Amino acid sequence: MGARIIYKIVHEEEWRAAEALGRFEGSAVDVKDGFIHFSTADQAPETAAKHFTGAADLLLVAVDASALDLKWEVSRGGALFPHLYGDLPLTAVRSVDPLPLCASGEHRFPAMD
């Protein structure tokens, strides 16, 4: 598809474990579904609101989509979402930023590509 950078919203503890392991094998939901869920910049805020409401320990991981063998599959609302069937190599990661909660309870996103 068109996104050069895709995003993974992840709990900080899960990400720190991935850093220690040298790869991200996915969250519990990813493992259950058989693939790692990603979002584009446009999709990420809705993903946070739908699946991570109130979570204060989140990170936003920016990933180079061209470094991965992604499958773009229909998901929420008929939109195509990037899925990775396998582990995420940390070499594909471009940045990791905190995803704090605002006073309104929504997550405050950094600038995204």
PDB file of N, CA and C in Angstrom:
ATOM      1  N   MET A   1       0.854  -1.164   0.000  1.00  0.00           N
ATOM      2  CA  MET A   1       0.000   0.000   0.000  1.00  0.00           C
ATOM      3  C   MET A   1       0.905   1.233   0.000  1.00  0.00           C
ATOM      4  N   GLY A   2       0.439   2.366   0.484  1.00  0.00           N
ATOM      5  CA  GLY A   2       1.215   3.568   0.336  1.00  0.00           C
ATOM      6  C   GLY A   2       2.040   3.997   1.531  1.00  0.00           C
ATOM      7  N   ALA A   3       1.747   3.516   2.726  1.00  0.00           N
ATOM      8  CA  ALA A   3       2.421   4.011   3.918  1.00  0.00           C
ATOM      9  C   ALA A   3       3.876   3.557   3.961  1.00  0.00           C
ATOM     10  N   ARG A   4       4.764   4.495   4.143  1.00  0.00           N
ATOM     11  CA  ARG A   4       6.183   4.168   4.284  1.00  0.00           C
ATOM     12  C   ARG A   4       6.508   3.831   5.735  1.00  0.00           C
ATOM     13  N   ILE A   5       5.872   4.550   6.647  1.00  0.00           N
ATOM     14  CA  ILE A   5       6.036   4.299   8.075  1.00  0.00           C
ATOM     15  C   ILE A   5       4.700   3.808   8.624  1.00  0.00           C
ATOM     16  N   ILE A   6       4.752   2.714   9.377  1.00  0.00           N
ATOM     17  CA  ILE A   6       3.573   2.190  10.059  1.00  0.00           C
ATOM     18  C   ILE A   6       3.855   2.198  11.554  1.00  0.00           C
ATOM     19  N   TYR A   7       2.812   1.987  12.351  1.00  0.00           N
ATOM     20  CA  TYR A   7       2.936   2.175  13.789  1.00  0.00           C
ATOM     21  C   TYR A   7       2.376   0.989  14.561  1.00  0.00           C
ATOM     22  N   LYS A   8       3.064   0.699  15.655  1.00  0.00           N
ATOM     23  CA  LYS A   8       2.616  -0.318  16.599  1.00  0.00           C
ATOM     24  C   LYS A   8       2.452   0.369  17.944  1.00  0.00           C
ATOM     25  N   ILE A   9       1.272   0.236  18.523  1.00  0.00           N
ATOM     26  CA  ILE A   9       1.028   0.731  19.877  1.00  0.00           C
ATOM     27  C   ILE A   9       1.255  -0.448  20.809  1.00  0.00           C
ATOM     28  N   VAL A  10       2.100  -0.255  21.777  1.00  0.00           N
ATOM     29  CA  VAL A  10       2.501  -1.382  22.626  1.00  0.00           C
ATOM     30  C   VAL A  10       2.718  -0.907  24.060  1.00  0.00           C
ATOM     31  N   HIS A  11       2.433  -1.796  25.006  1.00  0.00           N
ATOM     32  CA  HIS A  11       2.714  -1.495  26.405  1.00  0.00           C
ATOM     33  C   HIS A  11       4.238  -1.470  26.598  1.00  0.00           C
ATOM     34  N   GLU A  12       4.695  -0.536  27.405  1.00  0.00           N
ATOM     35  CA  GLU A  12       6.136  -0.360  27.587  1.00  0.00           C
ATOM     36  C   GLU A  12       6.811  -1.644  28.056  1.00  0.00           C
ATOM     37  N   GLU A  13       6.205  -2.376  28.941  1.00  0.00           N
ATOM     38  CA  GLU A  13       6.796  -3.629  29.450  1.00  0.00           C
ATOM     39  C   GLU A  13       7.018  -4.634  28.310  1.00  0.00           C
ATOM     40  N   GLU A  14       6.053  -4.724  27.404  1.00  0.00           N
ATOM     41  CA  GLU A  14       6.189  -5.637  26.266  1.00  0.00           C
ATOM     42  C   GLU A  14       7.339  -5.197  25.359  1.00  0.00           C
ATOM     43  N   TRP A  15       7.457  -3.881  25.164  1.00  0.00           N
ATOM     44  CA  TRP A  15       8.509  -3.394  24.288  1.00  0.00           C
ATOM     45  C   TRP A  15       9.888  -3.591  24.896  1.00  0.00           C
ATOM     46  N   ARG A  16      10.002  -3.349  26.189  1.00  0.00           N
ATOM     47  CA  ARG A  16      11.306  -3.534  26.856  1.00  0.00           C
ATOM     48  C   ARG A  16      11.730  -5.002  26.785  1.00  0.00           C
ATOM     49  N   ALA A  17      10.779  -5.918  26.884  1.00  0.00           N
ATOM     50  CA  ALA A  17      11.085  -7.349  26.744  1.00  0.00           C
ATOM     51  C   ALA A  17      11.574  -7.641  25.322  1.00  0.00           C
ATOM     52  N   ALA A  18      10.952  -7.008  24.330  1.00  0.00           N
ATOM     53  CA  ALA A  18      11.376  -7.193  22.940  1.00  0.00           C
ATOM     54  C   ALA A  18      12.794  -6.675  22.727  1.00  0.00           C
ATOM     55  N   GLU A  19      13.098  -5.526  23.318  1.00  0.00           N
ATOM     56  CA  GLU A  19      14.455  -4.987  23.194  1.00  0.00           C
ATOM     57  C   GLU A  19      15.476  -5.950  23.782  1.00  0.00           C
ATOM     58  N   ALA A  20      15.152  -6.552  24.908  1.00  0.00           N
ATOM     59  CA  ALA A  20      16.057  -7.515  25.540  1.00  0.00           C
ATOM     60  C   ALA A  20      16.220  -8.768  24.674  1.00  0.00           C
ATOM     61  N   LEU A  21      15.145  -9.165  23.997  1.00  0.00           N
ATOM     62  CA  LEU A  21      15.145 -10.364  23.150  1.00  0.00           C
ATOM     63  C   LEU A  21      15.790 -10.106  21.787  1.00  0.00           C
ATOM     64  N   GLY A  22      15.728  -8.848  21.337  1.00  0.00           N
ATOM     65  CA  GLY A  22      16.285  -8.501  20.041  1.00  0.00           C
ATOM     66  C   GLY A  22      15.277  -8.551  18.911  1.00  0.00           C
ATOM     67  N   ARG A  23      14.014  -8.814  19.246  1.00  0.00           N
ATOM     68  CA  ARG A  23      12.924  -8.829  18.259  1.00  0.00           C
ATOM     69  C   ARG A  23      11.602  -8.734  19.017  1.00  0.00           C
ATOM     70  N   PHE A  24      10.566  -8.278  18.318  1.00  0.00           N
ATOM     71  CA  PHE A  24       9.236  -8.199  18.910  1.00  0.00           C
ATOM     72  C   PHE A  24       8.410  -9.338  18.342  1.00  0.00           C
ATOM     73  N   GLU A  25       7.970 -10.228  19.215  1.00  0.00           N
ATOM     74  CA  GLU A  25       7.191 -11.390  18.797  1.00  0.00           C
ATOM     75  C   GLU A  25       5.697 -11.119  18.824  1.00  0.00           C
ATOM     76  N   GLY A  26       5.318  -9.932  19.282  1.00  0.00           N
ATOM     77  CA  GLY A  26       3.918  -9.547  19.321  1.00  0.00           C
ATOM     78  C   GLY A  26       3.367  -9.500  20.725  1.00  0.00           C
ATOM     79  N   SER A  27       2.276  -8.752  20.861  1.00  0.00           N
ATOM     80  CA  SER A  27       1.557  -8.689  22.133  1.00  0.00           C
ATOM     81  C   SER A  27       0.718  -9.955  22.274  1.00  0.00           C
ATOM     82  N   ALA A  28       0.040 -10.097  23.383  1.00  0.00           N
ATOM     83  CA  ALA A  28      -0.824 -11.272  23.593  1.00  0.00           C
ATOM     84  C   ALA A  28      -1.892 -11.360  22.502  1.00  0.00           C
ATOM     85  N   VAL A  29      -2.472 -10.226  22.125  1.00  0.00           N
ATOM     86  CA  VAL A  29      -3.493 -10.208  21.067  1.00  0.00           C
ATOM     87  C   VAL A  29      -2.877 -10.613  19.727  1.00  0.00           C
ATOM     88  N   ASP A  30      -1.677 -10.112  19.439  1.00  0.00           N
ATOM     89  CA  ASP A  30      -1.003 -10.470  18.197  1.00  0.00           C
ATOM     90  C   ASP A  30      -0.763 -11.979  18.125  1.00  0.00           C
ATOM     91  N   VAL A  31      -0.241 -12.528  19.205  1.00  0.00           N
ATOM     92  CA  VAL A  31       0.050 -13.965  19.251  1.00  0.00           C
ATOM     93  C   VAL A  31      -1.235 -14.759  19.047  1.00  0.00           C
ATOM     94  N   LYS A  32      -2.311 -14.337  19.705  1.00  0.00           N
ATOM     95  CA  LYS A  32      -3.606 -15.019  19.571  1.00  0.00           C
ATOM     96  C   LYS A  32      -4.112 -14.970  18.129  1.00  0.00           C
ATOM     97  N   ASP A  33      -3.952 -13.821  17.473  1.00  0.00           N
ATOM     98  CA  ASP A  33      -4.448 -13.647  16.112  1.00  0.00           C
ATOM     99  C   ASP A  33      -3.507 -14.224  15.045  1.00  0.00           C
ATOM    100  N   GLY A  34      -2.258 -14.496  15.417  1.00  0.00           N
ATOM    101  CA  GLY A  34      -1.310 -15.091  14.478  1.00  0.00           C
ATOM    102  C   GLY A  34      -0.540 -14.095  13.635  1.00  0.00           C
ATOM    103  N   PHE A  35      -0.643 -12.809  13.951  1.00  0.00           N
ATOM    104  CA  PHE A  35       0.095 -11.777  13.234  1.00  0.00           C
ATOM    105  C   PHE A  35       0.214 -10.547  14.111  1.00  0.00           C
ATOM    106  N   ILE A  36       1.178  -9.693  13.787  1.00  0.00           N
ATOM    107  CA  ILE A  36       1.363  -8.439  14.518  1.00  0.00           C
ATOM    108  C   ILE A  36       0.528  -7.368  13.836  1.00  0.00           C
ATOM    109  N   HIS A  37      -0.329  -6.730  14.620  1.00  0.00           N
ATOM    110  CA  HIS A  37      -1.194  -5.650  14.138  1.00  0.00           C
ATOM    111  C   HIS A  37      -0.422  -4.340  14.086  1.00  0.00           C
ATOM    112  N   PHE A  38      -0.536  -3.636  12.974  1.00  0.00           N
ATOM    113  CA  PHE A  38       0.020  -2.293  12.833  1.00  0.00           C
ATOM    114  C   PHE A  38      -1.084  -1.362  12.365  1.00  0.00           C
ATOM    115  N   SER A  39      -0.810  -0.077  12.429  1.00  0.00           N
ATOM    116  CA  SER A  39      -1.725   0.955  11.928  1.00  0.00           C
ATOM    117  C   SER A  39      -0.921   1.963  11.126  1.00  0.00           C
ATOM    118  N   THR A  40      -1.592   2.634  10.208  1.00  0.00           N
ATOM    119  CA  THR A  40      -0.989   3.775   9.533  1.00  0.00           C
ATOM    120  C   THR A  40      -1.121   4.982  10.465  1.00  0.00           C
ATOM    121  N   ALA A  41      -0.508   6.090  10.085  1.00  0.00           N
ATOM    122  CA  ALA A  41      -0.610   7.306  10.892  1.00  0.00           C
ATOM    123  C   ALA A  41      -2.065   7.735  11.053  1.00  0.00           C
ATOM    124  N   ASP A  42      -2.859   7.605  10.001  1.00  0.00           N
ATOM    125  CA  ASP A  42      -4.271   7.989  10.079  1.00  0.00           C
ATOM    126  C   ASP A  42      -5.084   7.046  10.961  1.00  0.00           C
ATOM    127  N   GLN A  43      -4.698   5.791  11.018  1.00  0.00           N
ATOM    128  CA  GLN A  43      -5.446   4.785  11.771  1.00  0.00           C
ATOM    129  C   GLN A  43      -5.069   4.717  13.248  1.00  0.00           C
ATOM    130  N   ALA A  44      -3.859   5.120  13.592  1.00  0.00           N
ATOM    131  CA  ALA A  44      -3.345   4.926  14.950  1.00  0.00           C
ATOM    132  C   ALA A  44      -4.196   5.574  16.051  1.00  0.00           C
ATOM    133  N   PRO A  45      -4.663   6.809  15.907  1.00  0.00           N
ATOM    134  CA  PRO A  45      -5.481   7.382  16.982  1.00  0.00           C
ATOM    135  C   PRO A  45      -6.754   6.585  17.260  1.00  0.00           C
ATOM    136  N   GLU A  46      -7.406   6.104  16.214  1.00  0.00           N
ATOM    137  CA  GLU A  46      -8.608   5.294  16.429  1.00  0.00           C
ATOM    138  C   GLU A  46      -8.258   3.947  17.062  1.00  0.00           C
ATOM    139  N   THR A  47      -7.125   3.374  16.678  1.00  0.00           N
ATOM    140  CA  THR A  47      -6.669   2.131  17.290  1.00  0.00           C
ATOM    141  C   THR A  47      -6.444   2.335  18.784  1.00  0.00           C
ATOM    142  N   ALA A  48      -5.802   3.437  19.144  1.00  0.00           N
ATOM    143  CA  ALA A  48      -5.564   3.726  20.562  1.00  0.00           C
ATOM    144  C   ALA A  48      -6.876   3.872  21.322  1.00  0.00           C
ATOM    145  N   ALA A  49      -7.814   4.603  20.737  1.00  0.00           N
ATOM    146  CA  ALA A  49      -9.106   4.836  21.394  1.00  0.00           C
ATOM    147  C   ALA A  49      -9.903   3.539  21.532  1.00  0.00           C
ATOM    148  N   LYS A  50      -9.822   2.682  20.550  1.00  0.00           N
ATOM    149  CA  LYS A  50     -10.619   1.446  20.548  1.00  0.00           C
ATOM    150  C   LYS A  50     -10.025   0.354  21.432  1.00  0.00           C
ATOM    151  N   HIS A  51      -8.704   0.227  21.426  1.00  0.00           N
ATOM    152  CA  HIS A  51      -8.074  -0.914  22.087  1.00  0.00           C
ATOM    153  C   HIS A  51      -7.232  -0.569  23.321  1.00  0.00           C
ATOM    154  N   PHE A  52      -6.946   0.715  23.554  1.00  0.00           N
ATOM    155  CA  PHE A  52      -6.031   1.082  24.637  1.00  0.00           C
ATOM    156  C   PHE A  52      -6.574   2.206  25.515  1.00  0.00           C
ATOM    157  N   THR A  53      -7.890   2.343  25.596  1.00  0.00           N
ATOM    158  CA  THR A  53      -8.496   3.409  26.387  1.00  0.00           C
ATOM    159  C   THR A  53      -7.980   3.373  27.829  1.00  0.00           C
ATOM    160  N   GLY A  54      -7.488   4.520  28.297  1.00  0.00           N
ATOM    161  CA  GLY A  54      -7.047   4.658  29.675  1.00  0.00           C
ATOM    162  C   GLY A  54      -5.675   4.098  29.981  1.00  0.00           C
ATOM    163  N   ALA A  55      -5.024   3.437  29.038  1.00  0.00           N
ATOM    164  CA  ALA A  55      -3.694   2.859  29.284  1.00  0.00           C
ATOM    165  C   ALA A  55      -2.651   3.973  29.288  1.00  0.00           C
ATOM    166  N   ALA A  56      -1.901   4.054  30.374  1.00  0.00           N
ATOM    167  CA  ALA A  56      -0.937   5.138  30.542  1.00  0.00           C
ATOM    168  C   ALA A  56       0.501   4.694  30.289  1.00  0.00           C
ATOM    169  N   ASP A  57       0.705   3.429  30.011  1.00  0.00           N
ATOM    170  CA  ASP A  57       2.060   2.885  29.886  1.00  0.00           C
ATOM    171  C   ASP A  57       2.405   2.518  28.444  1.00  0.00           C
ATOM    172  N   LEU A  58       1.918   3.307  27.500  1.00  0.00           N
ATOM    173  CA  LEU A  58       2.059   2.931  26.099  1.00  0.00           C
ATOM    174  C   LEU A  58       3.228   3.622  25.409  1.00  0.00           C
ATOM    175  N   LEU A  59       3.719   2.945  24.376  1.00  0.00           N
ATOM    176  CA  LEU A  59       4.721   3.495  23.479  1.00  0.00           C
ATOM    177  C   LEU A  59       4.179   3.417  22.056  1.00  0.00           C
ATOM    178  N   LEU A  60       4.616   4.345  21.233  1.00  0.00           N
ATOM    179  CA  LEU A  60       4.291   4.334  19.825  1.00  0.00           C
ATOM    180  C   LEU A  60       5.575   4.001  19.073  1.00  0.00           C
ATOM    181  N   VAL A  61       5.577   2.839  18.431  1.00  0.00           N
ATOM    182  CA  VAL A  61       6.752   2.354  17.715  1.00  0.00           C
ATOM    183  C   VAL A  61       6.546   2.623  16.224  1.00  0.00           C
ATOM    184  N   ALA A  62       7.433   3.417  15.642  1.00  0.00           N
ATOM    185  CA  ALA A  62       7.387   3.718  14.211  1.00  0.00           C
ATOM    186  C   ALA A  62       8.286   2.724  13.492  1.00  0.00           C
ATOM    187  N   VAL A  63       7.738   2.123  12.437  1.00  0.00           N
ATOM    188  CA  VAL A  63       8.420   1.029  11.748  1.00  0.00           C
ATOM    189  C   VAL A  63       8.479   1.327  10.248  1.00  0.00           C
ATOM    190  N   ASP A  64       9.615   1.030   9.641  1.00  0.00           N
ATOM    191  CA  ASP A  64       9.798   1.172   8.202  1.00  0.00           C
ATOM    192  C   ASP A  64       9.068   0.028   7.503  1.00  0.00           C
ATOM    193  N   ALA A  65       7.948   0.349   6.875  1.00  0.00           N
ATOM    194  CA  ALA A  65       7.131  -0.675   6.227  1.00  0.00           C
ATOM    195  C   ALA A  65       7.873  -1.380   5.099  1.00  0.00           C
ATOM    196  N   SER A  66       8.777  -0.679   4.426  1.00  0.00           N
ATOM    197  CA  SER A  66       9.487  -1.283   3.300  1.00  0.00           C
ATOM    198  C   SER A  66      10.460  -2.374   3.739  1.00  0.00           C
ATOM    199  N   ALA A  67      10.762  -2.433   5.023  1.00  0.00           N
ATOM    200  CA  ALA A  67      11.680  -3.445   5.542  1.00  0.00           C
ATOM    201  C   ALA A  67      10.964  -4.756   5.891  1.00  0.00           C
ATOM    202  N   LEU A  68       9.640  -4.770   5.727  1.00  0.00           N
ATOM    203  CA  LEU A  68       8.853  -5.926   6.160  1.00  0.00           C
ATOM    204  C   LEU A  68       8.045  -6.513   5.014  1.00  0.00           C
ATOM    205  N   ASP A  69       7.727  -7.786   5.149  1.00  0.00           N
ATOM    206  CA  ASP A  69       6.835  -8.459   4.204  1.00  0.00           C
ATOM    207  C   ASP A  69       5.430  -8.402   4.798  1.00  0.00           C
ATOM    208  N   LEU A  70       4.745  -7.301   4.550  1.00  0.00           N
ATOM    209  CA  LEU A  70       3.429  -7.060   5.140  1.00  0.00           C
ATOM    210  C   LEU A  70       2.310  -7.593   4.266  1.00  0.00           C
ATOM    211  N   LYS A  71       1.218  -7.915   4.907  1.00  0.00           N
ATOM    212  CA  LYS A  71      -0.032  -8.195   4.217  1.00  0.00           C
ATOM    213  C   LYS A  71      -0.995  -7.083   4.641  1.00  0.00           C
ATOM    214  N   TRP A  72      -1.587  -6.421   3.675  1.00  0.00           N
ATOM    215  CA  TRP A  72      -2.567  -5.372   3.941  1.00  0.00           C
ATOM    216  C   TRP A  72      -3.932  -6.028   3.853  1.00  0.00           C
ATOM    217  N   GLU A  73      -4.614  -6.114   5.001  1.00  0.00           N
ATOM    218  CA  GLU A  73      -5.860  -6.861   5.067  1.00  0.00           C
ATOM    219  C   GLU A  73      -6.994  -6.006   5.598  1.00  0.00           C
ATOM    220  N   VAL A  74      -8.196  -6.320   5.140  1.00  0.00           N
ATOM    221  CA  VAL A  74      -9.389  -5.592   5.551  1.00  0.00           C
ATOM    222  C   VAL A  74      -9.640  -5.834   7.032  1.00  0.00           C
ATOM    223  N   SER A  75      -9.906  -4.746   7.729  1.00  0.00           N
ATOM    224  CA  SER A  75     -10.206  -4.819   9.159  1.00  0.00           C
ATOM    225  C   SER A  75     -11.284  -3.787   9.464  1.00  0.00           C
ATOM    226  N   ARG A  76     -11.118  -3.077  10.548  1.00  0.00           N
ATOM    227  CA  ARG A  76     -12.102  -2.133  11.061  1.00  0.00           C
ATOM    228  C   ARG A  76     -12.663  -1.214   9.971  1.00  0.00           C
ATOM    229  N   GLY A  77     -13.964  -1.241   9.820  1.00  0.00           N
ATOM    230  CA  GLY A  77     -14.639  -0.357   8.878  1.00  0.00           C
ATOM    231  C   GLY A  77     -14.297  -0.607   7.421  1.00  0.00           C
ATOM    232  N   GLY A  78     -13.750  -1.766   7.117  1.00  0.00           N
ATOM    233  CA  GLY A  78     -13.389  -2.089   5.745  1.00  0.00           C
ATOM    234  C   GLY A  78     -12.048  -1.529   5.304  1.00  0.00           C
ATOM    235  N   ALA A  79     -11.340  -0.847   6.201  1.00  0.00           N
ATOM    236  CA  ALA A  79     -10.038  -0.270   5.861  1.00  0.00           C
ATOM    237  C   ALA A  79      -8.964  -1.359   5.816  1.00  0.00           C
ATOM    238  N   LEU A  80      -7.940  -1.126   5.015  1.00  0.00           N
ATOM    239  CA  LEU A  80      -6.805  -2.034   4.950  1.00  0.00           C
ATOM    240  C   LEU A  80      -5.806  -1.683   6.039  1.00  0.00           C
ATOM    241  N   PHE A  81      -5.425  -2.682   6.817  1.00  0.00           N
ATOM    242  CA  PHE A  81      -4.448  -2.510   7.886  1.00  0.00           C
ATOM    243  C   PHE A  81      -3.232  -3.380   7.603  1.00  0.00           C
ATOM    244  N   PRO A  82      -2.037  -2.905   7.957  1.00  0.00           N
ATOM    245  CA  PRO A  82      -0.827  -3.705   7.755  1.00  0.00           C
ATOM    246  C   PRO A  82      -0.675  -4.758   8.846  1.00  0.00           C
ATOM    247  N   HIS A  83      -0.436  -5.992   8.421  1.00  0.00           N
ATOM    248  CA  HIS A  83      -0.236  -7.113   9.336  1.00  0.00           C
ATOM    249  C   HIS A  83       1.085  -7.792   8.989  1.00  0.00           C
ATOM    250  N   LEU A  84       1.805  -8.202  10.010  1.00  0.00           N
ATOM    251  CA  LEU A  84       3.069  -8.906   9.833  1.00  0.00           C
ATOM    252  C   LEU A  84       2.930 -10.311  10.392  1.00  0.00           C
ATOM    253  N   TYR A  85       3.094 -11.292   9.524  1.00  0.00           N
ATOM    254  CA  TYR A  85       3.030 -12.697   9.921  1.00  0.00           C
ATOM    255  C   TYR A  85       4.448 -13.157  10.224  1.00  0.00           C
ATOM    256  N   GLY A  86       4.896 -12.886  11.421  1.00  0.00           N
ATOM    257  CA  GLY A  86       6.248 -13.204  11.858  1.00  0.00           C
ATOM    258  C   GLY A  86       6.688 -12.172  12.867  1.00  0.00           C
ATOM    259  N   ASP A  87       7.913 -12.301  13.306  1.00  0.00           N
ATOM    260  CA  ASP A  87       8.466 -11.383  14.296  1.00  0.00           C
ATOM    261  C   ASP A  87       8.875 -10.064  13.646  1.00  0.00           C
ATOM    262  N   LEU A  88       8.821  -9.008  14.428  1.00  0.00           N
ATOM    263  CA  LEU A  88       9.289  -7.700  13.986  1.00  0.00           C
ATOM    264  C   LEU A  88      10.765  -7.563  14.338  1.00  0.00           C
ATOM    265  N   PRO A  89      11.645  -7.473  13.333  1.00  0.00           N
ATOM    266  CA  PRO A  89      13.058  -7.254  13.642  1.00  0.00           C
ATOM    267  C   PRO A  89      13.256  -5.809  14.098  1.00  0.00           C
ATOM    268  N   LEU A  90      14.025  -5.626  15.141  1.00  0.00           N
ATOM    269  CA  LEU A  90      14.212  -4.280  15.677  1.00  0.00           C
ATOM    270  C   LEU A  90      14.961  -3.377  14.703  1.00  0.00           C
ATOM    271  N   THR A  91      15.624  -3.949  13.718  1.00  0.00           N
ATOM    272  CA  THR A  91      16.308  -3.135  12.703  1.00  0.00           C
ATOM    273  C   THR A  91      15.328  -2.340  11.848  1.00  0.00           C
ATOM    274  N   ALA A  92      14.057  -2.741  11.822  1.00  0.00           N
ATOM    275  CA  ALA A  92      13.042  -2.022  11.046  1.00  0.00           C
ATOM    276  C   ALA A  92      12.441  -0.853  11.824  1.00  0.00           C
ATOM    277  N   VAL A  93      12.755  -0.754  13.106  1.00  0.00           N
ATOM    278  CA  VAL A  93      12.186   0.291  13.960  1.00  0.00           C
ATOM    279  C   VAL A  93      12.918   1.610  13.727  1.00  0.00           C
ATOM    280  N   ARG A  94      12.146   2.664  13.502  1.00  0.00           N
ATOM    281  CA  ARG A  94      12.721   3.986  13.260  1.00  0.00           C
ATOM    282  C   ARG A  94      12.682   4.877  14.496  1.00  0.00           C
ATOM    283  N   SER A  95      11.685   4.700  15.349  1.00  0.00           N
ATOM    284  CA  SER A  95      11.626   5.476  16.592  1.00  0.00           C
ATOM    285  C   SER A  95      10.653   4.813  17.553  1.00  0.00           C
ATOM    286  N   VAL A  96      10.849   5.131  18.817  1.00  0.00           N
ATOM    287  CA  VAL A  96       9.954   4.676  19.883  1.00  0.00           C
ATOM    288  C   VAL A  96       9.681   5.887  20.762  1.00  0.00           C
ATOM    289  N   ASP A  97       8.397   6.274  20.838  1.00  0.00           N
ATOM    290  CA  ASP A  97       8.017   7.471  21.586  1.00  0.00           C
ATOM    291  C   ASP A  97       6.956   7.137  22.617  1.00  0.00           C
ATOM    292  N   PRO A  98       6.969   7.840  23.750  1.00  0.00           N
ATOM    293  CA  PRO A  98       5.887   7.667  24.723  1.00  0.00           C
ATOM    294  C   PRO A  98       4.557   8.086  24.105  1.00  0.00           C
ATOM    295  N   LEU A  99       3.493   7.466  24.560  1.00  0.00           N
ATOM    296  CA  LEU A  99       2.136   7.800  24.107  1.00  0.00           C
ATOM    297  C   LEU A  99       1.312   8.141  25.349  1.00  0.00           C
ATOM    298  N   PRO A 100       1.544   9.338  25.899  1.00  0.00           N
ATOM    299  CA  PRO A 100       0.901   9.709  27.165  1.00  0.00           C
ATOM    300  C   PRO A 100      -0.585  10.022  27.016  1.00  0.00           C
ATOM    301  N   LEU A 101      -1.252   9.963  28.144  1.00  0.00           N
ATOM    302  CA  LEU A 101      -2.666  10.345  28.200  1.00  0.00           C
ATOM    303  C   LEU A 101      -2.776  11.838  28.474  1.00  0.00           C
ATOM    304  N   CYS A 102      -3.687  12.494  27.788  1.00  0.00           N
ATOM    305  CA  CYS A 102      -4.014  13.894  28.064  1.00  0.00           C
ATOM    306  C   CYS A 102      -5.009  13.934  29.220  1.00  0.00           C
ATOM    307  N   ALA A 103      -5.258  15.113  29.729  1.00  0.00           N
ATOM    308  CA  ALA A 103      -6.253  15.273  30.794  1.00  0.00           C
ATOM    309  C   ALA A 103      -7.629  14.802  30.350  1.00  0.00           C
ATOM    310  N   SER A 104      -7.899  14.874  29.054  1.00  0.00           N
ATOM    311  CA  SER A 104      -9.188  14.442  28.507  1.00  0.00           C
ATOM    312  C   SER A 104      -9.323  12.922  28.448  1.00  0.00           C
ATOM    313  N   GLY A 105      -8.199  12.210  28.682  1.00  0.00           N
ATOM    314  CA  GLY A 105      -8.216  10.750  28.624  1.00  0.00           C
ATOM    315  C   GLY A 105      -7.814  10.185  27.282  1.00  0.00           C
ATOM    316  N   GLU A 106      -7.620  11.057  26.286  1.00  0.00           N
ATOM    317  CA  GLU A 106      -7.151  10.610  24.974  1.00  0.00           C
ATOM    318  C   GLU A 106      -5.630  10.571  24.966  1.00  0.00           C
ATOM    319  N   HIS A 107      -5.086   9.760  24.096  1.00  0.00           N
ATOM    320  CA  HIS A 107      -3.622   9.694  23.972  1.00  0.00           C
ATOM    321  C   HIS A 107      -3.118  10.850  23.118  1.00  0.00           C
ATOM    322  N   ARG A 108      -1.985  11.392  23.528  1.00  0.00           N
ATOM    323  CA  ARG A 108      -1.357  12.487  22.785  1.00  0.00           C
ATOM    324  C   ARG A 108      -0.264  11.905  21.906  1.00  0.00           C
ATOM    325  N   PHE A 109      -0.481  11.976  20.602  1.00  0.00           N
ATOM    326  CA  PHE A 109       0.447  11.406  19.640  1.00  0.00           C
ATOM    327  C   PHE A 109       1.525  12.396  19.264  1.00  0.00           C
ATOM    328  N   PRO A 110       2.752  11.903  19.059  1.00  0.00           N
ATOM    329  CA  PRO A 110       3.805  12.763  18.502  1.00  0.00           C
ATOM    330  C   PRO A 110       3.523  12.980  17.017  1.00  0.00           C
ATOM    331  N   ALA A 111       4.299  13.804  16.376  1.00  0.00           N
ATOM    332  CA  ALA A 111       4.177  13.975  14.927  1.00  0.00           C
ATOM    333  C   ALA A 111       4.463  12.639  14.255  1.00  0.00           C
ATOM    334  N   MET A 112       3.614  12.313  13.275  1.00  0.00           N
ATOM    335  CA  MET A 112       3.778  11.039  12.566  1.00  0.00           C
ATOM    336  C   MET A 112       3.885  11.311  11.078  1.00  0.00           C
ATOM    337  N   ASP A 113       4.649  10.463  10.388  1.00  0.00           N
ATOM    338  CA  ASP A 113       4.808  10.568   8.926  1.00  0.00           C
ATOM    339  C   ASP A 113       3.569  10.108   8.220  1.00  0.00           C
TER     340      ASP A 113
END
